[in-house]
């Protein structure tokens, strides 16, 4: 599956715990990554400073569904299921 250009669900819906340029503590779920351009494209794509977790994420139907809305819903559910108990 190819990543849907402009979706950015993985850059918003999930927690990223590794440092991101401009977000040294990472980012919490539901917060837009500062490296997303207005068109939802990653400014770090293909660059060495891009976090490994981001580079390792691949679009799959089980995580991204058929639409951008599916991707946000699925990733938010996975985030909730894997979040540490508070």
Protein backbone atom coordinates (compact mmCIF):
# COMPACT_ATOMS: atom_id res chain seq x y z
CA UNK A 1 0.00 0.00 0.00
CA UNK A 2 1.24 3.50 -0.78
CA UNK A 3 0.95 6.26 1.78
CA UNK A 4 -1.87 8.66 0.91
CA UNK A 5 -0.24 12.03 0.28
CA UNK A 6 -1.67 14.63 2.63
CA UNK A 7 -3.13 12.15 5.13
CA UNK A 8 -0.64 12.65 8.01
CA UNK A 9 -2.67 10.55 10.46
CA UNK A 10 0.55 8.90 11.68
CA UNK A 11 2.04 12.36 12.29
CA UNK A 12 -0.90 13.51 14.37
CA UNK A 13 -2.86 10.62 15.91
CA UNK A 14 -0.06 8.69 17.61
CA UNK A 15 2.47 9.37 20.33
CA UNK A 16 6.07 9.72 19.18
CA UNK A 17 8.45 9.38 22.12
CA UNK A 18 11.71 9.98 20.28
CA UNK A 19 13.04 13.51 19.74
CA UNK A 20 11.87 15.39 16.67
CA UNK A 21 13.59 18.59 15.54
CA UNK A 22 11.49 21.29 17.17
CA UNK A 23 9.94 18.77 19.59
CA UNK A 24 12.86 17.43 21.66
CA UNK A 25 10.54 15.46 23.97
CA UNK A 26 8.62 13.91 21.07
CA UNK A 27 4.90 14.54 20.74
CA UNK A 28 1.75 13.30 22.43
CA UNK A 29 -1.11 11.62 20.62
CA UNK A 30 -3.44 14.04 18.89
CA UNK A 31 -0.82 16.78 18.55
CA UNK A 32 0.31 17.78 15.09
CA UNK A 33 4.04 17.29 14.49
CA UNK A 34 5.83 20.60 14.02
CA UNK A 35 7.56 19.13 10.97
CA UNK A 36 4.32 18.85 9.01
CA UNK A 37 4.00 21.46 6.29
CA UNK A 38 0.62 23.09 5.55
CA UNK A 39 -0.03 20.42 2.90
CA UNK A 40 0.59 17.68 5.51
CA UNK A 41 3.88 16.60 3.98
CA UNK A 42 6.81 15.84 6.25
CA UNK A 43 9.60 18.40 6.06
CA UNK A 44 12.05 15.72 7.28
CA UNK A 45 11.14 12.99 4.80
CA UNK A 46 14.32 11.40 3.48
CA UNK A 47 16.56 13.38 5.84
CA UNK A 48 18.80 11.81 8.50
CA UNK A 49 17.23 13.85 11.31
CA UNK A 50 13.86 12.19 10.71
CA UNK A 51 13.11 9.94 13.70
CA UNK A 52 13.63 6.23 13.07
CA UNK A 53 10.10 5.47 14.27
CA UNK A 54 8.72 7.69 11.51
CA UNK A 55 10.93 6.17 8.84
CA UNK A 56 9.96 2.69 10.00
CA UNK A 57 6.21 3.27 9.76
CA UNK A 58 4.75 1.88 6.57
CA UNK A 59 1.24 2.37 5.31
CA UNK A 60 -0.74 -0.84 5.62
CA UNK A 61 -4.46 -1.38 5.25
CA UNK A 62 -4.72 -2.65 8.84
CA UNK A 63 -3.34 0.68 10.15
CA UNK A 64 -4.53 3.11 7.47
CA UNK A 65 -7.79 1.66 6.18
CA UNK A 66 -9.28 2.90 2.94
CA UNK A 67 -9.52 6.62 3.69
CA UNK A 68 -7.75 9.33 5.70
CA UNK A 69 -10.63 9.24 8.17
CA UNK A 70 -10.12 5.46 8.58
CA UNK A 71 -6.44 6.06 9.28
CA UNK A 72 -7.15 8.59 12.04
CA UNK A 73 -9.78 6.32 13.62
CA UNK A 74 -7.64 3.15 13.46
CA UNK A 75 -4.47 4.82 14.69
CA UNK A 76 -6.35 6.53 17.54
CA UNK A 77 -7.78 3.16 18.57
CA UNK A 78 -4.36 1.51 18.45
CA UNK A 79 -2.93 4.40 20.45
CA UNK A 80 -5.59 3.97 23.13
CA UNK A 81 -5.05 0.20 23.29
CA UNK A 82 -1.28 0.52 23.67
CA UNK A 83 -1.10 3.56 25.96
CA UNK A 84 0.35 2.95 29.42
CA UNK A 85 -2.23 2.74 32.18
CA UNK A 86 -2.58 5.98 34.08
